[in-house]
């Protein structure tokens, strides 16, 4: 049973379980989109925090 599960996982990771759609976006592109989105969110959070800080004096 364990061998069948591992075989299924291997096929899934290789994209061999279902027919591939030529219109699908490659994983590398999706990964870069996620990274960019996270960077953008982080920058917005930093800007928001900077605006909330009041100067001492």
N, C-alpha and C. Protein backbone atom coordinates (compact mmCIF):
# COMPACT_ATOMS: atom_id res chain seq x y z
N UNK A 1 0.83 -1.20 0.00
CA UNK A 1 0.00 0.00 0.00
C UNK A 1 0.87 1.26 0.00
N UNK A 2 1.92 1.25 0.81
CA UNK A 2 2.79 2.41 0.90
C UNK A 2 3.44 2.71 -0.46
N UNK A 3 3.80 1.66 -1.18
CA UNK A 3 4.41 1.84 -2.50
C UNK A 3 3.45 2.49 -3.48
N UNK A 4 2.17 2.12 -3.40
CA UNK A 4 1.16 2.70 -4.29
C UNK A 4 0.97 4.18 -3.98
N UNK A 5 0.99 4.53 -2.71
CA UNK A 5 0.83 5.93 -2.32
C UNK A 5 2.01 6.75 -2.82
N UNK A 6 3.22 6.23 -2.63
CA UNK A 6 4.41 6.95 -3.08
C UNK A 6 4.42 7.09 -4.60
N UNK A 7 4.00 6.05 -5.28
CA UNK A 7 3.93 6.10 -6.74
C UNK A 7 2.94 7.16 -7.20
N UNK A 8 1.80 7.24 -6.52
CA UNK A 8 0.80 8.25 -6.87
C UNK A 8 1.34 9.65 -6.62
N UNK A 9 2.01 9.86 -5.50
CA UNK A 9 2.60 11.17 -5.22
C UNK A 9 3.64 11.54 -6.28
N UNK A 10 4.48 10.58 -6.63
CA UNK A 10 5.50 10.85 -7.64
C UNK A 10 4.87 11.25 -8.96
N UNK A 11 3.85 10.54 -9.37
CA UNK A 11 3.17 10.87 -10.63
C UNK A 11 2.50 12.24 -10.54
N UNK A 12 1.92 12.53 -9.39
CA UNK A 12 1.26 13.83 -9.21
C UNK A 12 2.26 14.97 -9.34
N UNK A 13 3.40 14.83 -8.70
CA UNK A 13 4.42 15.89 -8.75
C UNK A 13 5.03 16.04 -10.13
N UNK A 14 5.01 14.98 -10.91
CA UNK A 14 5.53 15.05 -12.27
C UNK A 14 4.47 15.50 -13.26
N UNK A 15 3.23 15.64 -12.79
CA UNK A 15 2.15 16.06 -13.68
C UNK A 15 1.65 14.95 -14.57
N UNK A 16 1.75 13.72 -14.11
CA UNK A 16 1.37 12.58 -14.92
C UNK A 16 0.00 11.99 -14.58
N UNK A 17 -0.73 12.58 -13.65
CA UNK A 17 -2.02 12.00 -13.25
C UNK A 17 -3.17 12.45 -14.14
N UNK A 18 -3.11 13.67 -14.61
CA UNK A 18 -4.18 14.20 -15.45
C UNK A 18 -3.57 14.86 -16.68
N UNK A 19 -4.38 15.04 -17.68
CA UNK A 19 -3.91 15.73 -18.89
C UNK A 19 -3.53 17.16 -18.54
N UNK A 20 -2.47 17.64 -19.12
CA UNK A 20 -1.99 18.99 -18.84
C UNK A 20 -2.67 19.99 -19.77
N UNK A 21 -3.01 21.14 -19.22
CA UNK A 21 -3.66 22.20 -19.97
C UNK A 21 -2.60 23.21 -20.40
N UNK A 22 -2.49 23.43 -21.69
CA UNK A 22 -1.48 24.36 -22.21
C UNK A 22 -1.73 25.79 -21.74
N UNK A 23 -2.94 26.10 -21.29
CA UNK A 23 -3.27 27.44 -20.82
C UNK A 23 -2.90 27.67 -19.36
N UNK A 24 -2.50 26.63 -18.65
CA UNK A 24 -2.11 26.77 -17.25
C UNK A 24 -0.85 27.62 -17.14
N UNK A 25 -0.81 28.42 -16.10
CA UNK A 25 0.36 29.25 -15.84
C UNK A 25 1.41 28.37 -15.16
N UNK A 26 2.67 28.45 -15.60
CA UNK A 26 3.71 27.64 -14.98
C UNK A 26 3.88 27.96 -13.49
N UNK A 27 4.28 26.97 -12.73
CA UNK A 27 4.45 27.13 -11.28
C UNK A 27 5.44 28.24 -10.94
N UNK A 28 6.50 28.37 -11.75
CA UNK A 28 7.50 29.40 -11.48
C UNK A 28 6.88 30.80 -11.55
N UNK A 29 5.99 31.00 -12.52
CA UNK A 29 5.33 32.30 -12.67
C UNK A 29 4.41 32.56 -11.48
N UNK A 30 3.65 31.55 -11.09
CA UNK A 30 2.77 31.71 -9.93
C UNK A 30 3.56 32.02 -8.67
N UNK A 31 4.68 31.33 -8.51
CA UNK A 31 5.53 31.55 -7.35
C UNK A 31 6.04 32.99 -7.31
N UNK A 32 6.47 33.51 -8.43
CA UNK A 32 6.95 34.89 -8.49
C UNK A 32 5.82 35.88 -8.18
N UNK A 33 4.62 35.59 -8.64
CA UNK A 33 3.47 36.46 -8.35
C UNK A 33 3.21 36.52 -6.85
N UNK A 34 3.29 35.35 -6.20
CA UNK A 34 3.06 35.29 -4.76
C UNK A 34 4.14 36.08 -4.02
N UNK A 35 5.40 35.89 -4.42
CA UNK A 35 6.50 36.62 -3.77
C UNK A 35 6.32 38.12 -3.92
N UNK A 36 5.97 38.57 -5.11
CA UNK A 36 5.78 40.00 -5.35
C UNK A 36 4.63 40.54 -4.51
N UNK A 37 3.55 39.78 -4.45
CA UNK A 37 2.39 40.20 -3.67
C UNK A 37 2.77 40.34 -2.19
N UNK A 38 3.53 39.39 -1.68
CA UNK A 38 3.95 39.45 -0.27
C UNK A 38 4.88 40.64 -0.02
N UNK A 39 5.79 40.90 -0.97
CA UNK A 39 6.68 42.06 -0.82
C UNK A 39 5.86 43.35 -0.80
N UNK A 40 4.90 43.44 -1.72
CA UNK A 40 4.05 44.64 -1.79
C UNK A 40 3.27 44.84 -0.50
N UNK A 41 2.71 43.75 0.04
CA UNK A 41 1.95 43.85 1.29
C UNK A 41 2.85 44.29 2.44
N UNK A 42 4.06 43.76 2.48
CA UNK A 42 5.00 44.12 3.54
C UNK A 42 5.34 45.60 3.46
N UNK A 43 5.56 46.09 2.25
CA UNK A 43 5.89 47.51 2.09
C UNK A 43 4.72 48.39 2.52
N UNK A 44 3.50 47.99 2.18
CA UNK A 44 2.32 48.77 2.59
C UNK A 44 2.17 48.78 4.11
N UNK A 45 2.42 47.63 4.74
CA UNK A 45 2.33 47.56 6.20
C UNK A 45 3.36 48.48 6.85
N UNK A 46 4.57 48.48 6.30
CA UNK A 46 5.62 49.34 6.87
C UNK A 46 5.25 50.81 6.72
N UNK A 47 4.68 51.18 5.57
CA UNK A 47 4.28 52.56 5.35
C UNK A 47 3.16 52.95 6.31
N UNK A 48 2.21 52.04 6.52
CA UNK A 48 1.09 52.32 7.43
C UNK A 48 1.60 52.50 8.85
N UNK A 49 2.51 51.66 9.28
CA UNK A 49 3.06 51.77 10.63
C UNK A 49 3.84 53.06 10.79
N UNK A 50 4.56 53.46 9.74
CA UNK A 50 5.33 54.71 9.81
C UNK A 50 4.40 55.91 9.95
N UNK A 51 3.25 55.87 9.31
CA UNK A 51 2.30 56.97 9.39
C UNK A 51 1.65 57.03 10.77
N UNK A 52 1.50 55.89 11.42
CA UNK A 52 0.85 55.84 12.73
C UNK A 52 1.75 56.36 13.85
N UNK A 53 3.05 56.29 13.65
CA UNK A 53 3.97 56.75 14.68
C UNK A 53 3.90 58.27 14.77
N UNK A 54 3.83 58.75 16.00
CA UNK A 54 3.80 60.21 16.20
C UNK A 54 5.17 60.67 16.64
N UNK A 55 5.61 61.78 16.13
CA UNK A 55 6.93 62.28 16.53
C UNK A 55 6.94 62.72 17.99
N UNK A 56 8.03 62.44 18.66
CA UNK A 56 8.18 62.85 20.07
C UNK A 56 8.61 64.31 20.12
N UNK A 57 8.08 65.03 21.08
CA UNK A 57 8.54 66.39 21.19
C UNK A 57 7.60 67.27 21.80
